[in-house]
Amino acid sequence: MGDEITKAQDALPGGDMIFRKILWKETTTKIIFEDDHCLAFHDISPQAPTHFLVKHISHTSAAEAVNDSLLEHLMVVGKNCAAVLGLKQVVTWWRMKVPVGGRHVHLHVLGVSR
């Protein structure tokens, strides 16, 4: 069953596959921050002068795994990365995507430099 889920996720247009490549450092994406729980990196198609994502590292198959502690950690990392990048106005939003057989959560941070 696990192989079928992985194949289904890989078949999704762009979605999970690009995140997997970024997490495995198979792309030239600029990494801003990394720890055991998340990775912050610049968006490959920015919608603002500065646009980065904070992505939970592992895929979770149960909604319970996306808990308050994880969401809080992603927000703190996003805030800290925005400060390091010198952003003065920041817009953030959450996107929770539910692909076939899996789930991931990431935060977009858009801002304008000082």
N, C-alpha and C. Protein backbone atom coordinates (compact mmCIF):
# COMPACT_ATOMS: atom_id res chain seq x y z
N MET A 1 0.82 -1.20 0.00
CA MET A 1 0.00 0.00 0.00
C MET A 1 0.86 1.25 0.00
N GLY A 2 1.95 1.28 0.77
CA GLY A 2 2.82 2.45 0.84
C GLY A 2 3.37 2.85 -0.51
N ASP A 3 3.77 1.85 -1.33
CA ASP A 3 4.29 2.14 -2.67
C ASP A 3 3.24 2.82 -3.54
N GLU A 4 2.01 2.37 -3.46
CA GLU A 4 0.94 2.96 -4.26
C GLU A 4 0.68 4.40 -3.86
N ILE A 5 0.73 4.67 -2.56
CA ILE A 5 0.52 6.04 -2.08
C ILE A 5 1.65 6.94 -2.59
N THR A 6 2.88 6.47 -2.48
CA THR A 6 4.02 7.26 -2.96
C THR A 6 3.90 7.52 -4.45
N LYS A 7 3.54 6.51 -5.23
CA LYS A 7 3.37 6.70 -6.67
C LYS A 7 2.26 7.70 -6.97
N ALA A 8 1.18 7.62 -6.23
CA ALA A 8 0.07 8.56 -6.44
C ALA A 8 0.50 9.98 -6.11
N GLN A 9 1.25 10.15 -5.04
CA GLN A 9 1.73 11.48 -4.67
C GLN A 9 2.70 12.01 -5.71
N ASP A 10 3.59 11.15 -6.20
CA ASP A 10 4.55 11.57 -7.22
C ASP A 10 3.86 11.97 -8.52
N ALA A 11 2.71 11.38 -8.79
CA ALA A 11 1.99 11.66 -10.03
C ALA A 11 1.26 13.00 -10.00
N LEU A 12 1.08 13.56 -8.83
CA LEU A 12 0.40 14.85 -8.74
C LEU A 12 1.20 15.90 -9.48
N PRO A 13 0.54 16.76 -10.26
CA PRO A 13 1.28 17.76 -11.02
C PRO A 13 1.98 18.75 -10.10
N GLY A 14 3.28 18.73 -10.07
CA GLY A 14 4.06 19.68 -9.28
C GLY A 14 4.04 19.45 -7.80
N GLY A 15 2.89 19.46 -7.20
CA GLY A 15 2.63 19.40 -5.77
C GLY A 15 3.67 18.79 -4.87
N ASP A 16 3.43 17.57 -4.44
CA ASP A 16 4.31 16.93 -3.47
C ASP A 16 5.71 16.70 -4.00
N MET A 17 5.84 16.43 -5.28
CA MET A 17 7.15 16.09 -5.83
C MET A 17 8.13 17.25 -5.66
N ILE A 18 7.71 18.47 -5.93
CA ILE A 18 8.62 19.60 -5.79
C ILE A 18 9.03 19.78 -4.34
N PHE A 19 8.10 19.60 -3.40
CA PHE A 19 8.46 19.71 -1.98
C PHE A 19 9.47 18.62 -1.61
N ARG A 20 9.25 17.43 -2.09
CA ARG A 20 10.17 16.34 -1.80
C ARG A 20 11.57 16.67 -2.31
N LYS A 21 11.66 17.20 -3.52
CA LYS A 21 12.97 17.56 -4.09
C LYS A 21 13.64 18.66 -3.28
N ILE A 22 12.87 19.64 -2.83
CA ILE A 22 13.43 20.72 -2.02
C ILE A 22 13.92 20.17 -0.68
N LEU A 23 13.10 19.35 -0.03
CA LEU A 23 13.48 18.79 1.27
C LEU A 23 14.72 17.90 1.17
N TRP A 24 14.86 17.21 0.05
CA TRP A 24 16.01 16.33 -0.15
C TRP A 24 17.18 17.07 -0.78
N LYS A 25 17.05 18.40 -0.91
CA LYS A 25 18.11 19.26 -1.46
C LYS A 25 18.51 18.84 -2.88
N GLU A 26 17.52 18.47 -3.68
CA GLU A 26 17.75 18.10 -5.08
C GLU A 26 17.49 19.27 -6.02
N THR A 27 17.29 20.45 -5.47
CA THR A 27 17.06 21.64 -6.28
C THR A 27 18.05 22.72 -5.84
N THR A 28 18.04 23.83 -6.55
CA THR A 28 18.92 24.95 -6.19
C THR A 28 18.19 25.97 -5.33
N THR A 29 17.06 25.58 -4.78
CA THR A 29 16.27 26.47 -3.93
C THR A 29 17.11 27.01 -2.77
N LYS A 30 17.01 28.33 -2.53
CA LYS A 30 17.76 28.95 -1.44
C LYS A 30 17.08 28.66 -0.10
N ILE A 31 17.81 27.97 0.76
CA ILE A 31 17.32 27.62 2.10
C ILE A 31 17.61 28.79 3.04
N ILE A 32 16.61 29.18 3.81
CA ILE A 32 16.76 30.27 4.79
C ILE A 32 17.04 29.70 6.17
N PHE A 33 16.34 28.63 6.53
CA PHE A 33 16.43 28.06 7.88
C PHE A 33 16.03 26.59 7.80
N GLU A 34 16.63 25.80 8.69
CA GLU A 34 16.28 24.39 8.77
C GLU A 34 16.48 23.89 10.19
N ASP A 35 15.53 23.10 10.67
CA ASP A 35 15.70 22.40 11.94
C ASP A 35 15.07 21.02 11.80
N ASP A 36 14.87 20.33 12.92
CA ASP A 36 14.32 18.98 12.87
C ASP A 36 12.86 18.93 12.46
N HIS A 37 12.16 20.07 12.49
CA HIS A 37 10.73 20.08 12.24
C HIS A 37 10.33 20.75 10.93
N CYS A 38 11.14 21.70 10.46
CA CYS A 38 10.72 22.45 9.28
C CYS A 38 11.90 22.96 8.47
N LEU A 39 11.57 23.43 7.29
CA LEU A 39 12.54 24.01 6.38
C LEU A 39 11.92 25.30 5.84
N ALA A 40 12.68 26.39 5.89
CA ALA A 40 12.22 27.67 5.32
C ALA A 40 13.05 27.93 4.07
N PHE A 41 12.38 28.25 2.97
CA PHE A 41 13.08 28.43 1.70
C PHE A 41 12.33 29.43 0.83
N HIS A 42 13.07 30.07 -0.07
CA HIS A 42 12.48 31.06 -0.97
C HIS A 42 11.56 30.38 -1.98
N ASP A 43 10.43 31.02 -2.26
CA ASP A 43 9.47 30.50 -3.22
C ASP A 43 10.08 30.55 -4.62
N ILE A 44 9.84 29.51 -5.42
CA ILE A 44 10.39 29.48 -6.78
C ILE A 44 9.62 30.38 -7.74
N SER A 45 8.44 30.82 -7.33
CA SER A 45 7.63 31.71 -8.15
C SER A 45 7.07 32.81 -7.24
N PRO A 46 7.94 33.73 -6.79
CA PRO A 46 7.54 34.72 -5.78
C PRO A 46 6.41 35.64 -6.22
N GLN A 47 5.53 35.93 -5.27
CA GLN A 47 4.39 36.82 -5.50
C GLN A 47 4.61 38.17 -4.83
N ALA A 48 5.81 38.41 -4.32
CA ALA A 48 6.18 39.66 -3.65
C ALA A 48 7.70 39.77 -3.72
N PRO A 49 8.27 40.96 -3.43
CA PRO A 49 9.73 41.09 -3.46
C PRO A 49 10.43 40.02 -2.61
N THR A 50 9.85 39.67 -1.48
CA THR A 50 10.34 38.55 -0.68
C THR A 50 9.16 37.62 -0.44
N HIS A 51 9.32 36.37 -0.81
CA HIS A 51 8.26 35.37 -0.65
C HIS A 51 8.95 34.05 -0.32
N PHE A 52 8.70 33.57 0.88
CA PHE A 52 9.28 32.28 1.26
C PHE A 52 8.23 31.40 1.92
N LEU A 53 8.55 30.13 2.01
CA LEU A 53 7.67 29.15 2.63
C LEU A 53 8.37 28.56 3.84
N VAL A 54 7.57 28.19 4.82
CA VAL A 54 8.05 27.40 5.96
C VAL A 54 7.26 26.10 5.88
N LYS A 55 7.96 25.02 5.60
CA LYS A 55 7.34 23.73 5.31
C LYS A 55 7.67 22.72 6.39
N HIS A 56 6.63 22.09 6.91
CA HIS A 56 6.81 20.98 7.85
C HIS A 56 7.57 19.88 7.10
N ILE A 57 8.59 19.32 7.71
CA ILE A 57 9.48 18.39 7.01
C ILE A 57 8.81 17.08 6.63
N SER A 58 8.08 16.46 7.53
CA SER A 58 7.52 15.15 7.19
C SER A 58 6.07 15.26 6.78
N HIS A 59 5.68 14.34 5.91
CA HIS A 59 4.27 14.24 5.55
C HIS A 59 3.56 13.53 6.69
N THR A 60 2.35 13.94 6.94
CA THR A 60 1.59 13.30 8.00
C THR A 60 0.33 12.71 7.40
N SER A 61 -0.03 11.52 7.84
CA SER A 61 -1.19 10.87 7.27
C SER A 61 -2.43 11.08 8.13
N ALA A 62 -2.27 11.67 9.30
CA ALA A 62 -3.42 11.87 10.18
C ALA A 62 -3.52 13.35 10.56
N ALA A 63 -4.73 13.87 10.55
CA ALA A 63 -4.94 15.27 10.88
C ALA A 63 -4.45 15.58 12.29
N GLU A 64 -4.49 14.61 13.18
CA GLU A 64 -4.06 14.83 14.56
C GLU A 64 -2.58 15.22 14.64
N ALA A 65 -1.79 14.78 13.66
CA ALA A 65 -0.36 15.09 13.68
C ALA A 65 -0.10 16.57 13.41
N VAL A 66 -1.05 17.26 12.80
CA VAL A 66 -0.92 18.70 12.57
C VAL A 66 -1.55 19.37 13.79
N ASN A 67 -0.73 19.56 14.82
CA ASN A 67 -1.24 20.05 16.09
C ASN A 67 -0.84 21.50 16.34
N ASP A 68 -1.32 22.04 17.44
CA ASP A 68 -1.03 23.43 17.80
C ASP A 68 0.46 23.69 17.94
N SER A 69 1.18 22.74 18.49
CA SER A 69 2.62 22.91 18.69
C SER A 69 3.35 23.07 17.35
N LEU A 70 2.99 22.25 16.37
CA LEU A 70 3.59 22.34 15.04
C LEU A 70 3.25 23.69 14.40
N LEU A 71 1.99 24.06 14.44
CA LEU A 71 1.58 25.33 13.83
C LEU A 71 2.27 26.51 14.49
N GLU A 72 2.40 26.47 15.81
CA GLU A 72 3.09 27.54 16.53
C GLU A 72 4.56 27.60 16.10
N HIS A 73 5.20 26.46 15.98
CA HIS A 73 6.61 26.42 15.58
C HIS A 73 6.79 27.02 14.19
N LEU A 74 5.92 26.66 13.25
CA LEU A 74 6.03 27.20 11.89
C LEU A 74 5.86 28.72 11.90
N MET A 75 4.93 29.22 12.71
CA MET A 75 4.72 30.68 12.79
C MET A 75 5.94 31.38 13.38
N VAL A 76 6.53 30.82 14.43
CA VAL A 76 7.71 31.42 15.05
C VAL A 76 8.88 31.43 14.06
N VAL A 77 9.09 30.32 13.37
CA VAL A 77 10.16 30.26 12.38
C VAL A 77 9.91 31.28 11.27
N GLY A 78 8.67 31.38 10.80
CA GLY A 78 8.34 32.37 9.77
C GLY A 78 8.62 33.79 10.23
N LYS A 79 8.24 34.10 11.45
CA LYS A 79 8.47 35.43 12.02
C LYS A 79 9.96 35.72 12.13
N ASN A 80 10.73 34.76 12.64
CA ASN A 80 12.17 34.95 12.80
C ASN A 80 12.88 35.10 11.45
N CYS A 81 12.48 34.31 10.47
CA CYS A 81 13.08 34.42 9.14
C CYS A 81 12.75 35.77 8.51
N ALA A 82 11.52 36.24 8.70
CA ALA A 82 11.13 37.55 8.17
C ALA A 82 12.01 38.64 8.77
N ALA A 83 12.28 38.55 10.07
CA ALA A 83 13.13 39.54 10.73
C ALA A 83 14.56 39.49 10.19
N VAL A 84 15.10 38.28 10.02
CA VAL A 84 16.45 38.12 9.50
C VAL A 84 16.56 38.70 8.09
N LEU A 85 15.50 38.54 7.30
CA LEU A 85 15.50 39.06 5.92
C LEU A 85 15.19 40.55 5.86
N GLY A 86 14.91 41.16 7.01
CA GLY A 86 14.67 42.60 7.07
C GLY A 86 13.33 43.04 6.52
N LEU A 87 12.31 42.23 6.69
CA LEU A 87 10.99 42.58 6.18
C LEU A 87 10.29 43.55 7.13
N LYS A 88 9.64 44.57 6.56
CA LYS A 88 8.93 45.52 7.42
C LYS A 88 7.42 45.30 7.39
N GLN A 89 6.90 44.90 6.25
CA GLN A 89 5.47 44.57 6.17
C GLN A 89 5.38 43.12 5.71
N VAL A 90 4.65 42.34 6.46
CA VAL A 90 4.59 40.91 6.17
C VAL A 90 3.14 40.45 6.09
N VAL A 91 2.85 39.64 5.10
CA VAL A 91 1.56 38.98 4.98
C VAL A 91 1.84 37.50 5.05
N THR A 92 1.10 36.78 5.89
CA THR A 92 1.30 35.33 5.97
C THR A 92 -0.04 34.65 5.75
N TRP A 93 0.02 33.46 5.23
CA TRP A 93 -1.17 32.64 5.17
C TRP A 93 -0.78 31.18 5.20
N TRP A 94 -1.73 30.39 5.68
CA TRP A 94 -1.52 28.95 5.78
C TRP A 94 -2.12 28.28 4.57
N ARG A 95 -1.50 27.19 4.19
CA ARG A 95 -2.11 26.34 3.18
C ARG A 95 -1.92 24.91 3.66
N MET A 96 -3.01 24.22 3.81
CA MET A 96 -2.93 22.81 4.14
C MET A 96 -3.44 22.05 2.93
N LYS A 97 -2.58 21.24 2.36
CA LYS A 97 -2.91 20.50 1.16
C LYS A 97 -3.12 19.04 1.53
N VAL A 98 -4.13 18.45 0.97
CA VAL A 98 -4.42 17.05 1.27
C VAL A 98 -4.33 16.26 -0.03
N PRO A 99 -3.12 15.77 -0.40
CA PRO A 99 -3.00 14.95 -1.59
C PRO A 99 -3.49 13.54 -1.32
N VAL A 100 -3.56 12.73 -2.35
CA VAL A 100 -4.00 11.35 -2.21
C VAL A 100 -3.10 10.63 -1.21
N GLY A 101 -3.67 10.19 -0.10
CA GLY A 101 -2.94 9.38 0.86
C GLY A 101 -1.96 10.12 1.75
N GLY A 102 -1.96 11.43 1.74
CA GLY A 102 -0.99 12.13 2.56
C GLY A 102 -1.47 13.53 2.91
N ARG A 103 -0.66 14.25 3.66
CA ARG A 103 -1.02 15.60 4.08
C ARG A 103 0.26 16.34 4.37
N HIS A 104 0.27 17.61 3.99
CA HIS A 104 1.37 18.45 4.44
C HIS A 104 0.85 19.85 4.69
N VAL A 105 1.60 20.55 5.49
CA VAL A 105 1.20 21.91 5.83
C VAL A 105 2.42 22.80 5.63
N HIS A 106 2.15 23.98 5.08
CA HIS A 106 3.22 24.95 4.95
C HIS A 106 2.66 26.35 5.07
N LEU A 107 3.55 27.27 5.40
CA LEU A 107 3.21 28.66 5.62
C LEU A 107 3.90 29.49 4.55
N HIS A 108 3.16 30.38 3.89
CA HIS A 108 3.74 31.34 2.96
C HIS A 108 3.97 32.64 3.72
N VAL A 109 5.11 33.26 3.52
CA VAL A 109 5.39 34.57 4.11
C VAL A 109 5.80 35.49 2.96
N LEU A 110 5.06 36.59 2.80
CA LEU A 110 5.36 37.58 1.77
C LEU A 110 5.65 38.89 2.45
N GLY A 111 6.61 39.62 1.93
CA GLY A 111 6.93 40.88 2.57
C GLY A 111 7.70 41.82 1.68
N VAL A 112 7.86 43.03 2.18
CA VAL A 112 8.60 44.09 1.51
C VAL A 112 9.78 44.44 2.41
N SER A 113 10.97 44.51 1.83
CA SER A 113 12.17 44.83 2.62
C SER A 113 12.13 46.26 3.12
N ARG A 114 12.85 46.48 4.21
CA ARG A 114 12.93 47.82 4.79
C ARG A 114 13.66 48.76 3.87
